[in-house]
Amino acid sequence: MLKVAVLAYDNCLLSGLAGQLDLFTLANWECRRLHPQGKTSFCQFEVVTLNGEPVTSFNRLPVLPKRSLAECREIDLVLVPGVMGSPDRLLEERSLIDWLRQQHRHGARIASACSGAFLLAEAGILDNRSATTHWQLASRFRQRYPKVDLQVDRLLIDGDDYCCAGGTSAHLDLALYLIEKFGSVQLATACARMMLIDRSSRDQAPFVRFRGDKKHADQTILKVQQWLDNHYRGKVVVKELAALSGLNERTFLRRFRKATGEAPLEYLQRMRIEKAKQLLAGSTESLERTTRAVGYEDVSSFRRLFKQIVGISPTVYRKRFSSR
């Protein structure tokens, strides 16, 4: 039977904690229903805290643990929920980070939701590997953990010995995925059906807002970003951007990627698509006018680029997010 430790700490999201516990409890119930002769459960889980004392969740309700981290033995899976707001204070709990690192070294799988990925990265579990987290935390994550390949558009990433789920509600996707991974497709499907959860493939991309990372110390690159804010509709050439920065082209490309996490033309594309999303959601302008308004001429090419970056077509985006 799978042995699961569910971490809890001050300011953790109770929905993420309780949602996964509900699904694992349901998985045990469905497992016994699907296999009446076996009389086995899917997992055994317990809530644990740093010192075994109760903690206060984000909505100020208490969370009562079963035991402390030091009392946990032979864990197969550790669930790491997110916190609301900055995770910085939690990252200072070195005994928690050390415990995660130790459990991982001893063979436990570590699964995070939302900002919980920060704890995995702090423990070094994600170095030179792919991860995801809530899209609003992407800039802070990249600055703090440059060794991690952050793919914030993706809702869930499985690295075999770890899993990361994106935004806040992704804890349900994560729980169902783990039930399938350690149980079966049949069991996960039964749980999803009972809880009315749509298991169709989805990601964070439609919800991501591109703001252009300006929280860095490279004033030269910042000047170029500010120029792009006002000139993104026109023709943009990398060589001219390099000249604007006063750097040679190779140095400019290196410093731009280091500061923003993207190449200049990728940055420009995301900026234009973000402007298009705002127009699609806030106006009734035609797709042709929207295309031209953000610096593109060919509607077909724009539509393909939009779907590549956002994950859905401009028409679907307008229907889903229009404020009019």
Protein backbone atom coordinates (compact mmCIF):
# COMPACT_ATOMS: atom_id res chain seq x y z
CA MET A 1 0.00 0.00 0.00
CA LEU A 2 1.23 3.46 -0.90
CA LYS A 3 2.35 5.48 2.15
CA VAL A 4 1.76 9.20 1.71
CA ALA A 5 2.88 12.14 3.84
CA VAL A 6 0.94 15.35 3.26
CA LEU A 7 2.84 18.44 4.37
CA ALA A 8 1.04 21.28 6.11
CA TYR A 9 2.46 24.64 7.18
CA ASP A 10 1.24 28.09 8.09
CA ASN A 11 -0.55 29.89 5.24
CA CYS A 12 -0.92 26.74 3.15
CA LEU A 13 -3.98 26.58 0.92
CA LEU A 14 -6.54 24.45 2.69
CA SER A 15 -8.32 23.69 -0.59
CA GLY A 16 -5.15 22.13 -1.98
CA LEU A 17 -4.63 20.10 1.16
CA ALA A 18 -8.23 18.96 1.65
CA GLY A 19 -8.90 18.44 -2.06
CA GLN A 20 -6.10 15.92 -2.40
CA LEU A 21 -7.04 14.18 0.86
CA ASP A 22 -10.65 13.89 -0.32
CA LEU A 23 -9.55 12.33 -3.60
CA PHE A 24 -7.19 9.88 -1.91
CA THR A 25 -9.94 8.88 0.53
CA LEU A 26 -12.28 8.41 -2.41
CA ALA A 27 -9.58 6.36 -4.18
CA ASN A 28 -9.46 4.01 -1.18
CA TRP A 29 -13.24 3.68 -1.28
CA GLU A 30 -13.33 3.10 -5.06
CA CYS A 31 -10.44 0.65 -4.84
CA ARG A 32 -12.38 -1.54 -2.43
CA ARG A 33 -15.49 -1.26 -4.61
CA LEU A 34 -13.59 -2.21 -7.78
CA HIS A 35 -11.76 -5.07 -6.07
CA PRO A 36 -14.19 -6.44 -3.44
CA GLN A 37 -12.29 -9.70 -3.08
CA GLY A 38 -8.94 -8.05 -2.42
CA LYS A 39 -10.15 -5.76 0.38
CA THR A 40 -7.15 -3.49 -0.25
CA SER A 41 -6.92 0.27 -0.19
CA PHE A 42 -5.06 2.54 -2.58
CA CYS A 43 -3.00 4.35 0.05
CA GLN A 44 -2.42 5.22 3.66
CA PHE A 45 -1.91 8.95 4.26
CA GLU A 46 -1.28 11.31 7.13
CA VAL A 47 -0.86 15.05 7.54
CA VAL A 48 2.51 16.06 8.97
CA THR A 49 3.99 19.35 10.16
CA LEU A 50 7.49 20.46 11.00
CA ASN A 51 7.22 19.82 14.74
CA GLY A 52 3.93 17.94 14.96
CA GLU A 53 2.05 21.02 16.13
CA PRO A 54 -1.12 22.41 14.47
CA VAL A 55 -0.66 25.08 11.81
CA THR A 56 -2.96 27.82 10.50
CA SER A 57 -4.03 27.66 6.87
CA PHE A 58 -4.53 30.66 4.56
CA ASN A 59 -8.21 30.94 5.46
CA ARG A 60 -7.20 30.97 9.16
CA LEU A 61 -8.63 27.53 9.90
CA PRO A 62 -6.36 25.20 11.89
CA VAL A 63 -4.81 22.07 10.38
CA LEU A 64 -4.24 19.23 12.84
CA PRO A 65 -1.33 16.92 11.95
CA LYS A 66 -0.87 13.27 12.71
CA ARG A 67 2.83 13.55 13.51
CA SER A 68 6.03 15.57 12.99
CA LEU A 69 8.48 15.27 10.11
CA ALA A 70 10.99 13.49 12.35
CA GLU A 71 8.42 10.79 13.13
CA CYS A 72 7.74 9.94 9.48
CA ARG A 73 9.13 6.57 8.42
CA GLU A 74 9.26 4.72 5.08
CA ILE A 75 7.35 7.29 3.04
CA ASP A 76 6.61 6.50 -0.62
CA LEU A 77 5.12 9.86 -1.62
CA VAL A 78 5.30 13.38 -0.16
CA LEU A 79 2.65 15.94 -1.16
CA VAL A 80 3.77 19.58 -0.99
CA PRO A 81 0.87 22.09 -1.16
CA GLY A 82 1.16 25.73 -2.13
CA VAL A 83 1.02 28.82 0.07
CA MET A 84 -0.80 32.04 -0.65
CA GLY A 85 1.54 34.95 -1.30
CA SER A 86 5.31 34.82 -1.07
CA PRO A 87 6.90 31.47 -0.16
CA ASP A 88 10.09 33.17 1.08
CA ARG A 89 9.42 32.69 4.79
CA LEU A 90 8.74 28.99 4.25
CA LEU A 91 12.00 28.62 2.32
CA GLU A 92 13.89 29.76 5.42
CA GLU A 93 12.76 26.63 7.27
CA ARG A 94 15.96 24.74 6.61
CA SER A 95 14.90 21.66 8.57
CA LEU A 96 11.88 21.33 6.25
CA ILE A 97 14.04 21.70 3.14
CA ASP A 98 16.58 19.21 4.53
CA TRP A 99 13.78 16.74 5.31
CA LEU A 100 12.46 16.95 1.74
CA ARG A 101 15.96 16.42 0.36
CA GLN A 102 16.47 13.44 2.66
CA GLN A 103 13.15 11.82 1.76
CA HIS A 104 13.95 12.22 -1.92
CA ARG A 105 17.38 10.64 -1.47
CA HIS A 106 15.77 7.71 0.32
CA GLY A 107 13.49 7.03 -2.64
CA ALA A 108 10.29 8.93 -1.87
CA ARG A 109 8.53 10.65 -4.77
CA ILE A 110 7.88 14.34 -4.14
CA ALA A 111 4.79 16.01 -5.66
CA SER A 112 4.12 19.74 -5.46
CA ALA A 113 1.17 21.95 -6.36
CA CYS A 114 1.35 25.66 -7.13
CA SER A 115 4.11 27.43 -5.12
CA GLY A 116 5.10 24.13 -3.52
CA ALA A 117 7.56 23.82 -6.41
CA PHE A 118 9.72 26.43 -4.66
CA LEU A 119 10.41 23.94 -1.87
CA LEU A 120 11.45 21.25 -4.35
CA ALA A 121 13.76 23.70 -6.10
CA GLU A 122 15.21 24.90 -2.80
CA ALA A 123 16.01 21.30 -1.93
CA GLY A 124 17.88 20.90 -5.24
CA ILE A 125 15.46 18.27 -6.54
CA LEU A 126 14.72 20.28 -9.69
CA ASP A 127 18.25 21.29 -10.71
CA ASN A 128 18.70 20.90 -14.50
CA ARG A 129 15.18 19.48 -14.77
CA SER A 130 11.78 20.74 -15.92
CA ALA A 131 9.18 22.14 -13.54
CA THR A 132 6.04 24.25 -13.40
CA THR A 133 4.40 26.50 -10.83
CA HIS A 134 1.72 29.17 -10.73
CA TRP A 135 2.23 31.54 -13.67
CA GLN A 136 2.27 34.64 -11.46
CA LEU A 137 5.32 33.28 -9.65
CA ALA A 138 7.30 32.51 -12.80
CA SER A 139 9.56 35.58 -12.73
CA ARG A 140 10.47 35.12 -9.08
CA PHE A 141 11.07 31.40 -9.60
CA ARG A 142 13.40 31.92 -12.57
CA GLN A 143 15.44 34.52 -10.74
CA ARG A 144 15.89 32.35 -7.67
CA TYR A 145 16.41 29.02 -9.47
CA PRO A 146 18.16 29.63 -12.82
CA LYS A 147 19.19 25.95 -13.04
CA VAL A 148 15.55 24.84 -13.35
CA ASP A 149 13.85 24.65 -16.76
CA LEU A 150 10.60 26.36 -15.82
CA GLN A 151 7.75 25.57 -18.25
CA VAL A 152 4.99 27.66 -16.75
CA ASP A 153 2.56 27.03 -19.64
CA ARG A 154 2.28 23.39 -18.62
CA LEU A 155 -0.21 22.33 -15.99
CA LEU A 156 1.62 19.18 -14.86
CA ILE A 157 5.14 17.80 -15.25
CA ASP A 158 6.19 14.28 -14.24
CA GLY A 159 9.92 13.78 -13.69
CA ASP A 160 9.37 10.21 -12.43
CA ASP A 161 10.81 10.85 -8.96
CA TYR A 162 8.93 14.14 -8.68
CA CYS A 163 5.79 15.82 -10.02
CA CYS A 164 4.89 19.49 -10.29
CA ALA A 165 1.42 20.93 -10.87
CA GLY A 166 0.80 24.53 -11.86
CA GLY A 167 -1.85 26.91 -10.55
CA THR A 168 -3.91 26.68 -7.39
CA SER A 169 -6.71 24.40 -8.62
CA ALA A 170 -4.21 22.06 -10.27
CA HIS A 171 -4.01 20.07 -7.02
CA LEU A 172 -7.02 18.09 -8.29
CA ASP A 173 -5.26 17.29 -11.56
CA LEU A 174 -2.19 16.30 -9.57
CA ALA A 175 -4.13 14.03 -7.21
CA LEU A 176 -5.91 12.26 -10.08
CA TYR A 177 -2.62 11.86 -11.93
CA LEU A 178 -0.99 10.30 -8.86
CA ILE A 179 -3.96 7.97 -8.39
CA GLU A 180 -3.48 6.84 -11.98
CA LYS A 181 0.32 6.62 -11.65
CA PHE A 182 0.32 4.57 -8.44
CA GLY A 183 -3.09 2.94 -8.87
CA SER A 184 -4.65 2.55 -12.29
CA VAL A 185 -6.43 4.42 -15.08
CA GLN A 186 -9.64 2.70 -14.04
CA LEU A 187 -9.30 3.94 -10.46
CA ALA A 188 -8.49 7.53 -11.48
CA THR A 189 -11.39 7.58 -13.94
CA ALA A 190 -13.79 6.32 -11.28
CA CYS A 191 -12.68 9.06 -8.87
CA ALA A 192 -12.96 11.75 -11.54
CA ARG A 193 -16.45 10.58 -12.45
CA MET A 194 -17.58 10.61 -8.83
CA MET A 195 -16.20 14.13 -8.24
CA LEU A 196 -17.37 15.48 -11.64
CA ILE A 197 -13.82 16.43 -12.67
CA ASP A 198 -13.08 16.84 -16.36
CA ARG A 199 -9.84 14.97 -17.07
CA SER A 200 -9.42 16.34 -20.59
CA SER A 201 -5.95 17.68 -21.33
CA ARG A 202 -5.52 21.30 -20.28
CA ASP A 203 -2.76 23.70 -19.34
CA GLN A 204 -2.12 27.10 -17.79
CA ALA A 205 -1.31 28.88 -21.06
CA PRO A 206 -4.70 30.61 -21.58
CA PHE A 207 -4.49 32.12 -18.11
CA VAL A 208 -0.88 33.29 -18.25
CA ARG A 209 -0.41 37.05 -18.43
CA PHE A 210 2.84 38.13 -20.06
CA ARG A 211 4.22 41.15 -18.27
CA GLY A 212 7.81 41.10 -19.45
CA ASP A 213 10.21 40.51 -16.57
CA LYS A 214 11.58 43.91 -15.54
CA LYS A 215 12.57 42.94 -12.01
CA HIS A 216 16.24 42.59 -12.79
CA ALA A 217 19.32 44.75 -12.36
CA ASP A 218 20.40 45.10 -16.00
CA GLN A 219 19.54 48.72 -16.76
CA THR A 220 20.77 48.41 -20.35
CA ILE A 221 18.28 45.63 -21.11
CA LEU A 222 15.57 47.47 -19.19
CA LYS A 223 15.99 50.42 -21.54
CA VAL A 224 15.40 48.13 -24.53
CA GLN A 225 12.32 46.63 -22.86
CA GLN A 226 10.91 50.08 -22.27
CA TRP A 227 11.52 50.94 -25.91
CA LEU A 228 9.65 47.78 -26.97
CA ASP A 229 6.71 48.78 -24.77
CA ASN A 230 6.15 51.74 -27.08
CA HIS A 231 7.30 50.32 -30.44
CA TYR A 232 6.13 46.69 -30.44
CA ARG A 233 3.72 47.32 -33.33
CA GLY A 234 6.45 48.30 -35.78
CA LYS A 235 9.21 46.34 -37.47
CA VAL A 236 11.73 45.16 -34.89
CA VAL A 237 15.20 43.97 -35.86
CA VAL A 238 17.58 42.38 -33.37
CA LYS A 239 20.57 44.22 -34.81
CA GLU A 240 18.81 47.54 -34.20
CA LEU A 241 17.91 46.53 -30.65
CA ALA A 242 21.55 45.69 -30.03
CA ALA A 243 22.56 49.10 -31.39
CA LEU A 244 20.01 50.74 -29.10
CA SER A 245 21.57 48.97 -26.13
CA GLY A 246 25.11 49.97 -27.13
CA LEU A 247 26.21 46.31 -27.03
CA ASN A 248 27.44 44.05 -29.77
CA GLU A 249 24.74 41.66 -30.98
CA ARG A 250 26.10 38.52 -29.34
CA THR A 251 26.50 40.19 -25.94
CA PHE A 252 23.07 41.79 -26.26
CA LEU A 253 21.37 38.44 -26.97
CA ARG A 254 23.10 36.79 -24.02
CA ARG A 255 22.23 39.57 -21.58
CA PHE A 256 18.64 39.91 -22.81
CA ARG A 257 17.98 36.19 -22.27
CA LYS A 258 19.68 36.24 -18.89
CA ALA A 259 17.58 39.23 -17.74
CA THR A 260 14.20 38.22 -19.16
CA GLY A 261 14.43 34.46 -19.65
CA GLU A 262 13.67 34.78 -23.39
CA ALA A 263 15.29 35.76 -26.67
CA PRO A 264 14.32 39.28 -27.93
CA LEU A 265 12.02 38.08 -30.73
CA GLU A 266 10.32 35.53 -28.45
CA TYR A 267 9.81 38.33 -25.95
CA LEU A 268 8.33 40.52 -28.69
CA GLN A 269 5.96 37.76 -29.84
CA ARG A 270 4.66 37.19 -26.32
CA MET A 271 4.23 40.93 -25.84
CA ARG A 272 2.19 41.24 -29.03
CA ILE A 273 0.06 38.20 -28.19
CA GLU A 274 -0.62 39.61 -24.72
CA LYS A 275 -1.81 42.87 -26.29
CA ALA A 276 -4.00 40.83 -28.64
CA LYS A 277 -5.53 38.94 -25.71
CA GLN A 278 -6.47 42.23 -24.09
CA LEU A 279 -8.11 43.43 -27.31
CA LEU A 280 -9.96 40.16 -27.82
CA ALA A 281 -11.30 40.13 -24.27
CA GLY A 282 -12.14 43.82 -24.06
CA SER A 283 -13.49 44.75 -27.50
CA THR A 284 -15.54 43.50 -30.42
CA GLU A 285 -12.93 44.39 -33.05
CA SER A 286 -12.56 41.89 -35.88
CA LEU A 287 -9.68 39.46 -35.88
CA GLU A 288 -8.20 41.24 -38.90
CA ARG A 289 -8.13 44.60 -37.08
CA THR A 290 -6.76 42.99 -33.94
CA THR A 291 -4.01 41.32 -35.97
CA ARG A 292 -2.90 44.64 -37.47
CA ALA A 293 -3.23 46.47 -34.15
CA VAL A 294 -0.51 44.32 -32.56
CA GLY A 295 1.96 44.47 -35.44
CA TYR A 296 1.05 41.56 -37.70
CA GLU A 297 -0.34 41.57 -41.24
CA ASP A 298 -1.22 37.96 -42.03
CA VAL A 299 -4.24 36.74 -40.08
CA SER A 300 -3.52 33.05 -40.67
CA SER A 301 0.03 33.36 -39.33
CA PHE A 302 -1.22 35.36 -36.36
CA ARG A 303 -3.88 32.74 -35.60
CA ARG A 304 -1.26 29.94 -35.64
CA LEU A 305 1.13 31.91 -33.41
CA PHE A 306 -1.69 32.79 -31.00
CA LYS A 307 -2.69 29.14 -30.61
CA GLN A 308 0.94 28.08 -30.23
CA ILE A 309 1.49 30.50 -27.34
CA VAL A 310 -1.95 30.57 -25.70
CA GLY A 311 -3.01 27.00 -26.38
CA ILE A 312 -6.39 27.93 -27.89
CA SER A 313 -7.48 29.91 -30.94
CA PRO A 314 -8.27 33.66 -30.80
CA THR A 315 -11.97 32.91 -31.32
CA VAL A 316 -12.11 30.43 -28.45
CA TYR A 317 -10.13 32.82 -26.24
CA ARG A 318 -12.62 35.64 -26.89
CA LYS A 319 -15.59 33.39 -26.08
CA ARG A 320 -14.01 32.20 -22.84
CA PHE A 321 -12.55 35.45 -21.52
CA SER A 322 -14.53 38.29 -23.07
CA SER A 323 -15.58 40.93 -20.55
CA ARG A 324 -18.22 42.32 -22.90
